[in-house]
């Protein structure tokens, strides 16, 4: 029985190491891909050049109507700290009260604005009526 358990443990450990080795390059590539790719964008190209569908969604949004460009949330496309998925601090710049309310609500812990609002359309939504009403 001990020999069987040792083999199962050994095989499990081996599988874990193989998986860890296989995943590591993908994680490293994903971490670098956004920054490297955006640094190589030719001068004159805009976000719409590669992200047409997302740009079209944004174009029809309240942010576009208020002239809030992509860089307001994501940062400059060539910056080392370019944010593919901006954090709450990007929203907090303009929506201080809403972010404060989100942060203070225990139910919303760990959520961001895009947990409820679509990332580039930002259509307002109505809160659901409390249960029993």
N, C-alpha and C. Protein backbone atom coordinates (compact mmCIF):
# COMPACT_ATOMS: atom_id res chain seq x y z
N UNK A 1 0.82 -1.20 0.00
CA UNK A 1 0.00 0.00 0.00
C UNK A 1 0.86 1.26 0.00
N UNK A 2 1.96 1.26 0.81
CA UNK A 2 2.84 2.42 0.86
C UNK A 2 3.51 2.65 -0.49
N UNK A 3 3.85 1.57 -1.16
CA UNK A 3 4.49 1.69 -2.47
C UNK A 3 3.52 2.30 -3.48
N UNK A 4 2.26 1.89 -3.42
CA UNK A 4 1.23 2.44 -4.30
C UNK A 4 1.04 3.93 -4.04
N UNK A 5 0.92 4.30 -2.77
CA UNK A 5 0.76 5.72 -2.41
C UNK A 5 1.96 6.54 -2.86
N UNK A 6 3.15 5.99 -2.72
CA UNK A 6 4.36 6.70 -3.14
C UNK A 6 4.34 6.93 -4.65
N UNK A 7 3.89 5.93 -5.42
CA UNK A 7 3.81 6.08 -6.89
C UNK A 7 2.77 7.13 -7.27
N UNK A 8 1.62 7.08 -6.64
CA UNK A 8 0.57 8.05 -6.94
C UNK A 8 1.07 9.46 -6.59
N UNK A 9 1.71 9.59 -5.45
CA UNK A 9 2.25 10.89 -5.05
C UNK A 9 3.31 11.35 -6.05
N UNK A 10 4.20 10.45 -6.44
CA UNK A 10 5.25 10.79 -7.40
C UNK A 10 4.68 11.21 -8.74
N UNK A 11 3.69 10.47 -9.24
CA UNK A 11 3.07 10.81 -10.51
C UNK A 11 2.32 12.15 -10.43
N UNK A 12 1.66 12.37 -9.32
CA UNK A 12 0.95 13.64 -9.12
C UNK A 12 1.94 14.80 -9.09
N UNK A 13 3.03 14.63 -8.39
CA UNK A 13 4.06 15.66 -8.31
C UNK A 13 4.67 15.91 -9.69
N UNK A 14 4.93 14.86 -10.42
CA UNK A 14 5.48 14.98 -11.78
C UNK A 14 4.50 15.74 -12.68
N UNK A 15 3.23 15.37 -12.63
CA UNK A 15 2.21 16.05 -13.44
C UNK A 15 2.12 17.53 -13.08
N UNK A 16 2.23 17.85 -11.80
CA UNK A 16 2.20 19.24 -11.36
C UNK A 16 3.37 20.02 -11.95
N UNK A 17 4.57 19.44 -11.90
CA UNK A 17 5.75 20.13 -12.45
C UNK A 17 5.64 20.30 -13.96
N UNK A 18 5.15 19.30 -14.66
CA UNK A 18 4.98 19.41 -16.11
C UNK A 18 3.98 20.52 -16.43
N UNK A 19 2.89 20.55 -15.71
CA UNK A 19 1.88 21.59 -15.91
C UNK A 19 2.46 22.98 -15.61
N UNK A 20 3.20 23.10 -14.53
CA UNK A 20 3.80 24.38 -14.16
C UNK A 20 4.77 24.85 -15.23
N UNK A 21 5.56 23.94 -15.76
CA UNK A 21 6.52 24.29 -16.81
C UNK A 21 5.79 24.69 -18.09
N UNK A 22 4.69 24.02 -18.39
CA UNK A 22 3.93 24.32 -19.61
C UNK A 22 3.22 25.66 -19.51
N UNK A 23 2.75 26.01 -18.34
CA UNK A 23 1.98 27.24 -18.16
C UNK A 23 2.89 28.47 -18.08
N UNK A 24 4.06 28.34 -17.51
CA UNK A 24 4.93 29.48 -17.28
C UNK A 24 5.20 30.31 -18.53
N UNK A 25 5.57 29.73 -19.68
CA UNK A 25 5.80 30.57 -20.87
C UNK A 25 4.54 31.31 -21.31
N UNK A 26 3.38 30.68 -21.17
CA UNK A 26 2.13 31.34 -21.56
C UNK A 26 1.85 32.54 -20.66
N UNK A 27 2.11 32.39 -19.37
CA UNK A 27 1.90 33.50 -18.44
C UNK A 27 2.88 34.63 -18.76
N UNK A 28 4.13 34.30 -18.98
CA UNK A 28 5.12 35.32 -19.30
C UNK A 28 4.78 36.02 -20.61
N UNK A 29 4.34 35.26 -21.60
CA UNK A 29 3.98 35.84 -22.89
C UNK A 29 2.78 36.75 -22.73
N UNK A 30 1.77 36.35 -21.98
CA UNK A 30 0.58 37.16 -21.77
C UNK A 30 0.96 38.46 -21.05
N UNK A 31 1.85 38.38 -20.08
CA UNK A 31 2.25 39.55 -19.32
C UNK A 31 2.95 40.57 -20.21
N UNK A 32 3.73 40.11 -21.16
CA UNK A 32 4.49 41.00 -22.02
C UNK A 32 3.74 41.39 -23.28
N UNK A 33 2.80 40.58 -23.73
CA UNK A 33 2.16 40.78 -25.02
C UNK A 33 1.50 42.15 -25.16
N UNK A 34 0.73 42.57 -24.18
CA UNK A 34 0.03 43.85 -24.26
C UNK A 34 1.02 44.99 -24.42
N UNK A 35 2.03 45.01 -23.60
CA UNK A 35 2.97 46.12 -23.63
C UNK A 35 3.81 46.11 -24.90
N UNK A 36 4.35 44.97 -25.27
CA UNK A 36 5.18 44.89 -26.46
C UNK A 36 4.36 45.22 -27.70
N UNK A 37 3.17 44.66 -27.80
CA UNK A 37 2.34 44.89 -28.98
C UNK A 37 2.01 46.36 -29.13
N UNK A 38 1.58 47.00 -28.07
CA UNK A 38 1.20 48.40 -28.17
C UNK A 38 2.38 49.33 -28.40
N UNK A 39 3.56 48.93 -28.00
CA UNK A 39 4.73 49.76 -28.27
C UNK A 39 5.11 49.72 -29.75
N UNK A 40 4.67 48.69 -30.45
CA UNK A 40 5.04 48.55 -31.86
C UNK A 40 4.01 49.14 -32.81
N UNK A 41 2.99 49.81 -32.31
CA UNK A 41 1.96 50.39 -33.17
C UNK A 41 2.58 51.52 -33.99
N UNK A 42 2.40 51.48 -35.30
CA UNK A 42 2.96 52.54 -36.13
C UNK A 42 2.35 53.90 -35.81
N UNK A 43 3.15 54.93 -35.97
CA UNK A 43 2.67 56.29 -35.74
C UNK A 43 1.48 56.56 -36.65
N UNK A 44 0.50 57.24 -36.12
CA UNK A 44 -0.70 57.57 -36.90
C UNK A 44 -1.83 56.58 -36.71
N UNK A 45 -1.52 55.35 -36.29
CA UNK A 45 -2.58 54.38 -36.03
C UNK A 45 -3.27 54.75 -34.71
N UNK A 46 -4.55 54.46 -34.64
CA UNK A 46 -5.30 54.74 -33.42
C UNK A 46 -5.83 53.43 -32.86
N UNK A 47 -6.53 53.52 -31.76
CA UNK A 47 -7.13 52.32 -31.16
C UNK A 47 -8.08 51.66 -32.15
N UNK A 48 -8.79 52.49 -32.94
CA UNK A 48 -9.77 51.98 -33.90
C UNK A 48 -9.13 51.15 -35.00
N UNK A 49 -7.85 51.33 -35.24
CA UNK A 49 -7.17 50.58 -36.30
C UNK A 49 -7.27 49.07 -36.03
N UNK A 50 -7.06 48.67 -34.81
CA UNK A 50 -7.09 47.24 -34.45
C UNK A 50 -8.34 46.83 -33.69
N UNK A 51 -8.96 47.76 -33.01
CA UNK A 51 -10.09 47.45 -32.13
C UNK A 51 -11.36 48.12 -32.66
N UNK A 52 -11.70 47.86 -33.91
CA UNK A 52 -12.82 48.53 -34.58
C UNK A 52 -14.15 48.32 -33.85
N UNK A 53 -14.48 47.10 -33.51
CA UNK A 53 -15.77 46.81 -32.86
C UNK A 53 -15.87 47.51 -31.51
N UNK A 54 -14.80 47.45 -30.73
CA UNK A 54 -14.78 48.11 -29.42
C UNK A 54 -14.87 49.62 -29.61
N UNK A 55 -14.15 50.14 -30.59
CA UNK A 55 -14.18 51.58 -30.86
C UNK A 55 -15.58 52.02 -31.26
N UNK A 56 -16.27 51.21 -32.06
CA UNK A 56 -17.64 51.54 -32.47
C UNK A 56 -18.59 51.55 -31.27
N UNK A 57 -18.41 50.60 -30.34
CA UNK A 57 -19.22 50.59 -29.12
C UNK A 57 -18.97 51.86 -28.33
N UNK A 58 -17.70 52.20 -28.16
CA UNK A 58 -17.34 53.40 -27.42
C UNK A 58 -17.90 54.64 -28.10
N UNK A 59 -17.84 54.68 -29.42
CA UNK A 59 -18.28 55.86 -30.18
C UNK A 59 -19.75 56.19 -29.89
N UNK A 60 -20.56 55.17 -29.60
CA UNK A 60 -21.98 55.37 -29.32
C UNK A 60 -22.25 55.58 -27.83
N UNK A 61 -21.21 55.67 -27.02
CA UNK A 61 -21.38 55.74 -25.56
C UNK A 61 -21.39 57.17 -25.04
N UNK A 62 -21.85 57.33 -23.79
CA UNK A 62 -21.78 58.64 -23.14
C UNK A 62 -20.34 59.14 -23.01
N UNK A 63 -19.39 58.23 -22.87
CA UNK A 63 -17.99 58.66 -22.78
C UNK A 63 -17.55 59.34 -24.07
N UNK A 64 -17.91 58.80 -25.21
CA UNK A 64 -17.55 59.42 -26.48
C UNK A 64 -18.24 60.77 -26.62
N UNK A 65 -19.51 60.84 -26.23
CA UNK A 65 -20.25 62.11 -26.31
C UNK A 65 -19.61 63.17 -25.42
N UNK A 66 -18.92 62.76 -24.37
CA UNK A 66 -18.25 63.69 -23.47
C UNK A 66 -16.77 63.86 -23.82
N UNK A 67 -16.36 63.32 -24.96
CA UNK A 67 -14.97 63.40 -25.45
C UNK A 67 -13.97 62.74 -24.51
N UNK A 68 -14.38 61.65 -23.84
CA UNK A 68 -13.46 60.88 -23.01
C UNK A 68 -12.80 59.84 -23.92
N UNK A 69 -11.55 60.09 -24.26
CA UNK A 69 -10.81 59.23 -25.18
C UNK A 69 -10.35 57.94 -24.49
N UNK A 70 -9.93 56.98 -25.28
CA UNK A 70 -9.44 55.69 -24.77
C UNK A 70 -8.33 55.87 -23.74
N UNK A 71 -7.45 56.84 -24.00
CA UNK A 71 -6.30 57.04 -23.12
C UNK A 71 -6.69 57.51 -21.73
N UNK A 72 -7.88 58.08 -21.56
CA UNK A 72 -8.31 58.52 -20.24
C UNK A 72 -8.43 57.34 -19.28
N UNK A 73 -8.83 56.19 -19.78
CA UNK A 73 -8.98 55.00 -18.94
C UNK A 73 -7.77 54.06 -19.05
N UNK A 74 -7.27 53.89 -20.26
CA UNK A 74 -6.22 52.90 -20.50
C UNK A 74 -4.81 53.46 -20.38
N UNK A 75 -4.64 54.76 -20.52
CA UNK A 75 -3.31 55.35 -20.54
C UNK A 75 -2.81 55.43 -21.98
N UNK A 76 -1.64 55.98 -22.14
CA UNK A 76 -1.06 56.10 -23.48
C UNK A 76 -0.69 54.71 -24.00
N UNK A 77 -0.95 54.48 -25.28
CA UNK A 77 -0.74 53.15 -25.85
C UNK A 77 0.71 52.69 -25.80
N UNK A 78 1.66 53.60 -25.74
CA UNK A 78 3.06 53.21 -25.71
C UNK A 78 3.64 53.23 -24.30
N UNK A 79 2.85 53.59 -23.30
CA UNK A 79 3.35 53.68 -21.93
C UNK A 79 3.58 52.29 -21.33
N UNK A 80 4.61 52.14 -20.54
CA UNK A 80 4.87 50.84 -19.90
C UNK A 80 3.74 50.40 -18.97
N UNK A 81 2.98 51.37 -18.44
CA UNK A 81 1.89 51.02 -17.53
C UNK A 81 0.53 51.04 -18.22
N UNK A 82 0.51 50.84 -19.55
CA UNK A 82 -0.74 50.78 -20.30
C UNK A 82 -1.66 49.74 -19.64
N UNK A 83 -2.92 50.10 -19.40
CA UNK A 83 -3.85 49.22 -18.70
C UNK A 83 -4.85 48.62 -19.68
N UNK A 84 -4.65 47.37 -20.03
CA UNK A 84 -5.61 46.69 -20.89
C UNK A 84 -6.96 46.58 -20.20
N UNK A 85 -6.94 46.34 -18.91
CA UNK A 85 -8.16 46.29 -18.10
C UNK A 85 -7.97 47.27 -16.95
N UNK A 86 -8.40 48.52 -17.13
CA UNK A 86 -8.18 49.53 -16.09
C UNK A 86 -8.84 49.17 -14.76
N UNK A 87 -8.22 49.61 -13.69
CA UNK A 87 -8.77 49.39 -12.36
C UNK A 87 -9.73 50.49 -11.98
N UNK A 88 -10.23 50.40 -10.77
CA UNK A 88 -11.19 51.39 -10.27
C UNK A 88 -10.61 52.80 -10.25
N UNK A 89 -9.32 52.93 -10.09
CA UNK A 89 -8.72 54.26 -10.02
C UNK A 89 -8.96 55.05 -11.30
N UNK A 90 -9.07 54.36 -12.45
CA UNK A 90 -9.36 55.05 -13.70
C UNK A 90 -10.77 55.64 -13.68
N UNK A 91 -11.73 54.92 -13.12
CA UNK A 91 -13.11 55.41 -13.02
C UNK A 91 -13.22 56.51 -11.97
N UNK A 92 -12.44 56.34 -10.90
CA UNK A 92 -12.52 57.24 -9.76
C UNK A 92 -12.12 58.67 -10.12
N UNK A 93 -11.30 58.83 -11.14
CA UNK A 93 -10.87 60.15 -11.56
C UNK A 93 -12.06 61.06 -11.86
N UNK A 94 -13.07 60.52 -12.53
CA UNK A 94 -14.26 61.31 -12.91
C UNK A 94 -15.50 60.96 -12.10
N UNK A 95 -15.59 59.74 -11.62
CA UNK A 95 -16.80 59.25 -10.95
C UNK A 95 -16.52 58.97 -9.48
N UNK A 96 -16.04 59.97 -8.78
CA UNK A 96 -15.62 59.81 -7.39
C UNK A 96 -16.74 59.28 -6.49
N UNK A 97 -17.92 59.87 -6.57
CA UNK A 97 -19.03 59.46 -5.71
C UNK A 97 -19.46 58.02 -5.97
N UNK A 98 -19.55 57.65 -7.26
CA UNK A 98 -19.99 56.30 -7.60
C UNK A 98 -18.97 55.25 -7.13
N UNK A 99 -17.69 55.54 -7.30
CA UNK A 99 -16.66 54.59 -6.87
C UNK A 99 -16.64 54.49 -5.34
N UNK A 100 -16.82 55.61 -4.67
CA UNK A 100 -16.87 55.58 -3.19
C UNK A 100 -18.04 54.73 -2.72
N UNK A 101 -19.18 54.87 -3.39
CA UNK A 101 -20.36 54.07 -3.03
C UNK A 101 -20.08 52.59 -3.29
N UNK A 102 -19.46 52.28 -4.42
CA UNK A 102 -19.14 50.89 -4.75
C UNK A 102 -18.19 50.30 -3.72
N UNK A 103 -17.18 51.07 -3.33
CA UNK A 103 -16.20 50.58 -2.35
C UNK A 103 -16.81 50.39 -0.96
N UNK A 104 -17.83 51.18 -0.63
CA UNK A 104 -18.41 51.10 0.71
C UNK A 104 -19.49 50.02 0.84
N UNK A 105 -19.96 49.48 -0.26
CA UNK A 105 -21.02 48.48 -0.24
C UNK A 105 -20.41 47.09 -0.06
N UNK A 106 -20.66 46.42 1.06
CA UNK A 106 -20.06 45.09 1.29
C UNK A 106 -20.43 44.08 0.21
N UNK A 107 -21.62 44.21 -0.37
CA UNK A 107 -22.05 43.29 -1.43
C UNK A 107 -21.17 43.44 -2.66
N UNK A 108 -20.64 44.64 -2.90
CA UNK A 108 -19.85 44.91 -4.10
C UNK A 108 -18.36 44.65 -3.92
N UNK A 109 -17.98 44.12 -2.77
CA UNK A 109 -16.56 43.88 -2.49
C UNK A 109 -15.93 43.03 -3.60
N UNK A 110 -14.83 43.52 -4.13
CA UNK A 110 -14.10 42.82 -5.18
C UNK A 110 -14.63 43.07 -6.58
N UNK A 111 -15.69 43.84 -6.69
CA UNK A 111 -16.27 44.13 -8.01
C UNK A 111 -15.76 45.48 -8.49
N UNK A 112 -15.85 45.69 -9.78
CA UNK A 112 -15.48 46.96 -10.39
C UNK A 112 -16.67 47.47 -11.18
N UNK A 113 -16.52 48.62 -11.78
CA UNK A 113 -17.62 49.21 -12.56
C UNK A 113 -18.08 48.26 -13.67
N UNK A 114 -17.11 47.59 -14.32
CA UNK A 114 -17.47 46.72 -15.44
C UNK A 114 -18.06 45.39 -14.99
N UNK A 115 -18.19 45.19 -13.67
CA UNK A 115 -18.91 44.01 -13.19
C UNK A 115 -20.39 44.13 -13.54
N UNK A 116 -20.88 45.37 -13.63
CA UNK A 116 -22.29 45.61 -13.94
C UNK A 116 -22.51 46.38 -15.25
N UNK A 117 -21.55 47.20 -15.61
CA UNK A 117 -21.66 48.00 -16.83
C UNK A 117 -20.78 47.39 -17.90
N UNK A 118 -21.27 47.33 -19.14
CA UNK A 118 -20.44 46.82 -20.23
C UNK A 118 -19.24 47.74 -20.39
N UNK A 119 -18.12 47.15 -20.68
CA UNK A 119 -16.85 47.87 -20.65
C UNK A 119 -16.79 49.12 -21.53
N UNK A 120 -17.35 49.10 -22.71
CA UNK A 120 -17.19 50.25 -23.60
C UNK A 120 -18.48 50.96 -23.96
N UNK A 121 -19.62 50.43 -23.54
CA UNK A 121 -20.87 51.11 -23.83
C UNK A 121 -21.37 51.90 -22.63
N UNK A 122 -21.13 51.41 -21.43
CA UNK A 122 -21.50 52.08 -20.19
C UNK A 122 -22.95 52.56 -20.18
N UNK A 123 -23.84 51.69 -20.63
CA UNK A 123 -25.26 52.01 -20.58
C UNK A 123 -25.70 51.94 -19.12
N UNK A 124 -26.41 52.95 -18.69
CA UNK A 124 -26.88 52.96 -17.31
C UNK A 124 -27.88 51.83 -17.11
N UNK A 125 -27.95 51.33 -15.91
CA UNK A 125 -28.92 50.29 -15.59
C UNK A 125 -29.67 50.70 -14.35
N UNK A 126 -30.84 50.13 -14.20
CA UNK A 126 -31.64 50.40 -13.00
C UNK A 126 -31.41 49.29 -12.01
N UNK A 127 -31.36 49.66 -10.75
CA UNK A 127 -31.20 48.66 -9.71
C UNK A 127 -32.45 47.81 -9.63
N UNK A 128 -32.28 46.55 -9.33
CA UNK A 128 -33.41 45.66 -9.17
C UNK A 128 -34.19 46.05 -7.92
N UNK A 129 -35.49 45.88 -7.98
CA UNK A 129 -36.33 46.18 -6.82
C UNK A 129 -36.00 45.17 -5.71
N UNK A 130 -36.03 45.59 -4.47
CA UNK A 130 -35.77 44.66 -3.36
C UNK A 130 -36.77 43.50 -3.41
N UNK A 131 -36.34 42.33 -2.99
CA UNK A 131 -37.19 41.15 -3.00
C UNK A 131 -38.44 41.39 -2.16
N UNK A 132 -39.57 40.93 -2.67
CA UNK A 132 -40.82 41.06 -1.94
C UNK A 132 -41.62 42.30 -2.30
N UNK A 133 -41.14 43.09 -3.23
CA UNK A 133 -41.86 44.30 -3.64
C UNK A 133 -42.55 44.09 -4.97
